[in-house]
């Protein structure tokens, strides 16, 4: 029994030393984000939501710091919208598939990335901006493309492992 305790005691003494030896400057502390469980919202937020998304289904509200996040389904897309306490819509992010892309954007992406299949899409609406983020897949690559107004930009390309 004593033979088993000695290695255990040594491990307990050495392990904390390893933790203390880490470089403390390399640790990045992010600000706390508090998302609480399903929440009730005030009338301003509720009215603004109904006006912006009259056909929303499966609505759930969450408190997010001093604001509210609405998660819901609309136009066959999953949405996350952030509202201020006064009802101001800060942003709406919707997630869908190729069929949710506007035809003009889909045609432009497919003509540039002919060997790729459109997998998932996200639409970010914020401060008058309308940005589409499109995930594409080919036999050898994954590509993420961002489309805003007339500008299309390849954000990321990852090679598939063989």
C-alpha atoms as a PDB file:
ATOM      1  CA  UNK A   1       0.000   0.000   0.000  1.00  0.00           C
ATOM      2  CA  UNK A   2       2.852   2.384   0.856  1.00  0.00           C
ATOM      3  CA  UNK A   3       4.393   1.730  -2.563  1.00  0.00           C
ATOM      4  CA  UNK A   4       1.201   3.001  -4.243  1.00  0.00           C
ATOM      5  CA  UNK A   5       0.953   6.161  -2.144  1.00  0.00           C
ATOM      6  CA  UNK A   6       4.460   7.457  -2.907  1.00  0.00           C
ATOM      7  CA  UNK A   7       3.930   7.809  -6.716  1.00  0.00           C
ATOM      8  CA  UNK A   8       0.540   9.377  -6.084  1.00  0.00           C
ATOM      9  CA  UNK A   9       2.046  11.940  -3.693  1.00  0.00           C
ATOM     10  CA  UNK A  10       4.813  12.748  -6.189  1.00  0.00           C
ATOM     11  CA  UNK A  11       2.273  13.271  -8.964  1.00  0.00           C
ATOM     12  CA  UNK A  12       0.214  15.577  -6.743  1.00  0.00           C
ATOM     13  CA  UNK A  13       3.302  17.640  -5.934  1.00  0.00           C
ATOM     14  CA  UNK A  14       4.574  17.885  -9.519  1.00  0.00           C
ATOM     15  CA  UNK A  15       1.270  18.560 -11.279  1.00  0.00           C
ATOM     16  CA  UNK A  16       0.597  21.946  -9.582  1.00  0.00           C
ATOM     17  CA  UNK A  17       4.151  22.995 -10.453  1.00  0.00           C
ATOM     18  CA  UNK A  18       3.389  22.344 -14.124  1.00  0.00           C
ATOM     19  CA  UNK A  19       0.287  24.509 -13.894  1.00  0.00           C
ATOM     20  CA  UNK A  20       2.223  27.366 -12.329  1.00  0.00           C
ATOM     21  CA  UNK A  21       4.929  27.128 -14.977  1.00  0.00           C
ATOM     22  CA  UNK A  22       2.535  28.217 -17.731  1.00  0.00           C
ATOM     23  CA  UNK A  23       3.019  31.671 -19.173  1.00  0.00           C
ATOM     24  CA  UNK A  24       0.313  33.864 -17.635  1.00  0.00           C
ATOM     25  CA  UNK A  25       0.677  36.464 -20.415  1.00  0.00           C
ATOM     26  CA  UNK A  26      -0.651  33.981 -22.969  1.00  0.00           C
ATOM     27  CA  UNK A  27      -4.051  33.734 -21.267  1.00  0.00           C
ATOM     28  CA  UNK A  28      -6.684  35.988 -22.795  1.00  0.00           C
ATOM     29  CA  UNK A  29      -9.641  36.840 -20.586  1.00  0.00           C
ATOM     30  CA  UNK A  30     -12.817  37.494 -22.587  1.00  0.00           C
ATOM     31  CA  UNK A  31     -15.615  39.646 -21.193  1.00  0.00           C
ATOM     32  CA  UNK A  32     -18.452  37.736 -19.612  1.00  0.00           C
ATOM     33  CA  UNK A  33     -21.526  37.170 -21.745  1.00  0.00           C
ATOM     34  CA  UNK A  34     -24.680  36.374 -19.864  1.00  0.00           C
ATOM     35  CA  UNK A  35     -27.500  34.614 -21.661  1.00  0.00           C
ATOM     36  CA  UNK A  36     -30.243  33.586 -19.305  1.00  0.00           C
ATOM     37  CA  UNK A  37     -33.111  31.180 -19.747  1.00  0.00           C
ATOM     38  CA  UNK A  38     -36.304  31.973 -21.576  1.00  0.00           C
ATOM     39  CA  UNK A  39     -37.319  35.523 -20.664  1.00  0.00           C
ATOM     40  CA  UNK A  40     -40.319  37.817 -20.764  1.00  0.00           C
ATOM     41  CA  UNK A  41     -39.977  41.009 -22.793  1.00  0.00           C
ATOM     42  CA  UNK A  42     -41.534  44.436 -22.440  1.00  0.00           C
ATOM     43  CA  UNK A  43     -44.234  45.793 -24.760  1.00  0.00           C
ATOM     44  CA  UNK A  44     -41.812  47.916 -26.861  1.00  0.00           C
ATOM     45  CA  UNK A  45     -39.729  44.857 -27.719  1.00  0.00           C
ATOM     46  CA  UNK A  46     -42.779  42.681 -28.341  1.00  0.00           C
ATOM     47  CA  UNK A  47     -44.393  45.254 -30.671  1.00  0.00           C
ATOM     48  CA  UNK A  48     -41.133  45.815 -32.578  1.00  0.00           C
ATOM     49  CA  UNK A  49     -40.724  42.072 -33.032  1.00  0.00           C
ATOM     50  CA  UNK A  50     -44.287  41.589 -34.331  1.00  0.00           C
ATOM     51  CA  UNK A  51     -43.801  44.450 -36.792  1.00  0.00           C
ATOM     52  CA  UNK A  52     -40.446  43.157 -38.077  1.00  0.00           C
ATOM     53  CA  UNK A  53     -41.366  39.451 -38.189  1.00  0.00           C
ATOM     54  CA  UNK A  54     -45.155  39.041 -38.487  1.00  0.00           C
ATOM     55  CA  UNK A  55     -44.944  35.415 -39.702  1.00  0.00           C
ATOM     56  CA  UNK A  56     -42.542  34.150 -37.008  1.00  0.00           C
ATOM     57  CA  UNK A  57     -43.133  30.722 -35.498  1.00  0.00           C
ATOM     58  CA  UNK A  58     -41.664  28.879 -32.487  1.00  0.00           C
ATOM     59  CA  UNK A  59     -40.579  32.127 -30.805  1.00  0.00           C
ATOM     60  CA  UNK A  60     -38.358  31.954 -27.703  1.00  0.00           C
ATOM     61  CA  UNK A  61     -36.943  34.975 -25.885  1.00  0.00           C
ATOM     62  CA  UNK A  62     -33.637  35.062 -24.004  1.00  0.00           C
ATOM     63  CA  UNK A  63     -32.180  37.836 -21.840  1.00  0.00           C
ATOM     64  CA  UNK A  64     -28.724  38.835 -23.081  1.00  0.00           C
ATOM     65  CA  UNK A  65     -27.004  41.311 -20.746  1.00  0.00           C
ATOM     66  CA  UNK A  66     -29.423  44.275 -21.043  1.00  0.00           C
ATOM     67  CA  UNK A  67     -30.922  43.228 -24.380  1.00  0.00           C
ATOM     68  CA  UNK A  68     -33.114  40.404 -25.671  1.00  0.00           C
ATOM     69  CA  UNK A  69     -32.448  37.674 -28.216  1.00  0.00           C
ATOM     70  CA  UNK A  70     -35.398  36.278 -30.145  1.00  0.00           C
ATOM     71  CA  UNK A  71     -34.924  32.805 -31.635  1.00  0.00           C
ATOM     72  CA  UNK A  72     -37.590  31.771 -34.121  1.00  0.00           C
ATOM     73  CA  UNK A  73     -38.430  30.315 -37.542  1.00  0.00           C
ATOM     74  CA  UNK A  74     -39.566  32.525 -40.436  1.00  0.00           C
ATOM     75  CA  UNK A  75     -39.558  32.002 -44.207  1.00  0.00           C
ATOM     76  CA  UNK A  76     -38.148  28.492 -43.741  1.00  0.00           C
ATOM     77  CA  UNK A  77     -35.055  29.890 -41.981  1.00  0.00           C
ATOM     78  CA  UNK A  78     -33.902  29.779 -38.372  1.00  0.00           C
ATOM     79  CA  UNK A  79     -33.398  33.314 -36.961  1.00  0.00           C
ATOM     80  CA  UNK A  80     -31.589  34.940 -34.049  1.00  0.00           C
ATOM     81  CA  UNK A  81     -32.483  38.619 -33.645  1.00  0.00           C
ATOM     82  CA  UNK A  82     -31.092  40.981 -31.009  1.00  0.00           C
ATOM     83  CA  UNK A  83     -33.384  43.720 -29.676  1.00  0.00           C
ATOM     84  CA  UNK A  84     -32.527  46.588 -27.317  1.00  0.00           C
ATOM     85  CA  UNK A  85     -34.866  47.260 -24.375  1.00  0.00           C
ATOM     86  CA  UNK A  86     -36.536  50.097 -26.295  1.00  0.00           C
ATOM     87  CA  UNK A  87     -37.451  47.757 -29.178  1.00  0.00           C
ATOM     88  CA  UNK A  88     -34.628  48.737 -31.555  1.00  0.00           C
ATOM     89  CA  UNK A  89     -33.564  45.772 -33.726  1.00  0.00           C
ATOM     90  CA  UNK A  90     -29.745  45.669 -33.634  1.00  0.00           C
ATOM     91  CA  UNK A  91     -29.331  42.699 -35.970  1.00  0.00           C
ATOM     92  CA  UNK A  92     -30.989  39.603 -37.393  1.00  0.00           C
ATOM     93  CA  UNK A  93     -29.012  36.513 -38.393  1.00  0.00           C
ATOM     94  CA  UNK A  94     -30.878  33.841 -40.324  1.00  0.00           C
ATOM     95  CA  UNK A  95     -29.635  30.378 -41.255  1.00  0.00           C
ATOM     96  CA  UNK A  96     -30.778  28.236 -44.159  1.00  0.00           C
ATOM     97  CA  UNK A  97     -29.789  26.314 -47.252  1.00  0.00           C
ATOM     98  CA  UNK A  98     -29.237  26.972 -50.953  1.00  0.00           C
ATOM     99  CA  UNK A  99     -32.953  27.391 -51.640  1.00  0.00           C
ATOM    100  CA  UNK A 100     -33.003  30.414 -49.286  1.00  0.00           C
ATOM    101  CA  UNK A 101     -30.434  32.345 -51.342  1.00  0.00           C
ATOM    102  CA  UNK A 102     -31.730  35.039 -53.686  1.00  0.00           C
ATOM    103  CA  UNK A 103     -31.486  33.745 -57.265  1.00  0.00           C
ATOM    104  CA  UNK A 104     -29.083  36.503 -58.370  1.00  0.00           C
ATOM    105  CA  UNK A 105     -26.599  35.678 -55.592  1.00  0.00           C
ATOM    106  CA  UNK A 106     -26.940  31.921 -56.127  1.00  0.00           C
ATOM    107  CA  UNK A 107     -26.219  32.320 -59.871  1.00  0.00           C
ATOM    108  CA  UNK A 108     -23.184  34.521 -59.220  1.00  0.00           C
ATOM    109  CA  UNK A 109     -21.730  32.097 -56.657  1.00  0.00           C
ATOM    110  CA  UNK A 110     -22.374  29.036 -58.837  1.00  0.00           C
ATOM    111  CA  UNK A 111     -20.791  30.658 -61.893  1.00  0.00           C
ATOM    112  CA  UNK A 112     -17.623  31.427 -59.901  1.00  0.00           C
ATOM    113  CA  UNK A 113     -17.504  28.118 -57.988  1.00  0.00           C
ATOM    114  CA  UNK A 114     -18.751  25.682 -60.636  1.00  0.00           C
ATOM    115  CA  UNK A 115     -17.332  22.525 -59.025  1.00  0.00           C
ATOM    116  CA  UNK A 116     -18.792  23.367 -55.609  1.00  0.00           C
ATOM    117  CA  UNK A 117     -22.085  22.544 -53.946  1.00  0.00           C
ATOM    118  CA  UNK A 118     -23.749  25.196 -51.776  1.00  0.00           C
ATOM    119  CA  UNK A 119     -24.128  23.659 -48.337  1.00  0.00           C
ATOM    120  CA  UNK A 120     -25.371  26.186 -45.761  1.00  0.00           C
ATOM    121  CA  UNK A 121     -26.071  29.909 -45.899  1.00  0.00           C
ATOM    122  CA  UNK A 122     -26.416  32.670 -43.326  1.00  0.00           C
ATOM    123  CA  UNK A 123     -27.911  36.109 -43.866  1.00  0.00           C
ATOM    124  CA  UNK A 124     -26.811  38.933 -41.563  1.00  0.00           C
ATOM    125  CA  UNK A 125     -28.917  42.100 -41.515  1.00  0.00           C
ATOM    126  CA  UNK A 126     -27.446  44.896 -39.432  1.00  0.00           C
ATOM    127  CA  UNK A 127     -27.481  48.714 -39.695  1.00  0.00           C
ATOM    128  CA  UNK A 128     -28.906  48.660 -43.219  1.00  0.00           C
ATOM    129  CA  UNK A 129     -26.376  46.078 -44.403  1.00  0.00           C
ATOM    130  CA  UNK A 130     -27.452  42.778 -45.968  1.00  0.00           C
ATOM    131  CA  UNK A 131     -24.625  40.228 -45.955  1.00  0.00           C
ATOM    132  CA  UNK A 132     -24.818  36.627 -47.151  1.00  0.00           C
ATOM    133  CA  UNK A 133     -22.249  34.103 -45.895  1.00  0.00           C
ATOM    134  CA  UNK A 134     -22.219  30.943 -48.018  1.00  0.00           C
ATOM    135  CA  UNK A 135     -20.509  27.639 -47.205  1.00  0.00           C
ATOM    136  CA  UNK A 136     -19.459  25.649 -50.277  1.00  0.00           C
ATOM    137  CA  UNK A 137     -18.050  22.151 -50.634  1.00  0.00           C
ATOM    138  CA  UNK A 138     -16.199  20.385 -53.454  1.00  0.00           C
ATOM    139  CA  UNK A 139     -14.428  17.047 -53.606  1.00  0.00           C
ATOM    140  CA  UNK A 140     -11.202  18.609 -52.292  1.00  0.00           C
ATOM    141  CA  UNK A 141     -12.130  21.872 -50.540  1.00  0.00           C
ATOM    142  CA  UNK A 142     -14.466  23.761 -48.265  1.00  0.00           C
ATOM    143  CA  UNK A 143     -14.917  27.442 -49.076  1.00  0.00           C
ATOM    144  CA  UNK A 144     -16.668  30.267 -47.243  1.00  0.00           C
ATOM    145  CA  UNK A 145     -17.832  33.181 -49.400  1.00  0.00           C
ATOM    146  CA  UNK A 146     -19.220  36.542 -48.275  1.00  0.00           C
ATOM    147  CA  UNK A 147     -21.558  38.517 -50.553  1.00  0.00           C
ATOM    148  CA  UNK A 148     -22.586  42.099 -49.811  1.00  0.00           C
ATOM    149  CA  UNK A 149     -24.256  44.221 -52.484  1.00  0.00           C
ATOM    150  CA  UNK A 150     -22.178  43.716 -55.655  1.00  0.00           C
ATOM    151  CA  UNK A 151     -19.053  42.483 -53.864  1.00  0.00           C
ATOM    152  CA  UNK A 152     -18.208  38.795 -53.490  1.00  0.00           C
ATOM    153  CA  UNK A 153     -15.202  37.783 -51.369  1.00  0.00           C
ATOM    154  CA  UNK A 154     -13.704  34.405 -50.544  1.00  0.00           C
ATOM    155  CA  UNK A 155     -13.266  34.519 -46.787  1.00  0.00           C
ATOM    156  CA  UNK A 156     -11.772  31.105 -46.139  1.00  0.00           C
ATOM    157  CA  UNK A 157     -10.633  28.000 -48.024  1.00  0.00           C
ATOM    158  CA  UNK A 158      -9.820  24.714 -46.323  1.00  0.00           C
ATOM    159  CA  UNK A 159      -8.416  21.643 -48.051  1.00  0.00           C
ATOM    160  CA  UNK A 160     -10.045  18.351 -47.167  1.00  0.00           C
ATOM    161  CA  UNK A 161      -7.683  15.755 -45.803  1.00  0.00           C
ATOM    162  CA  UNK A 162      -7.051  12.797 -48.064  1.00  0.00           C
END
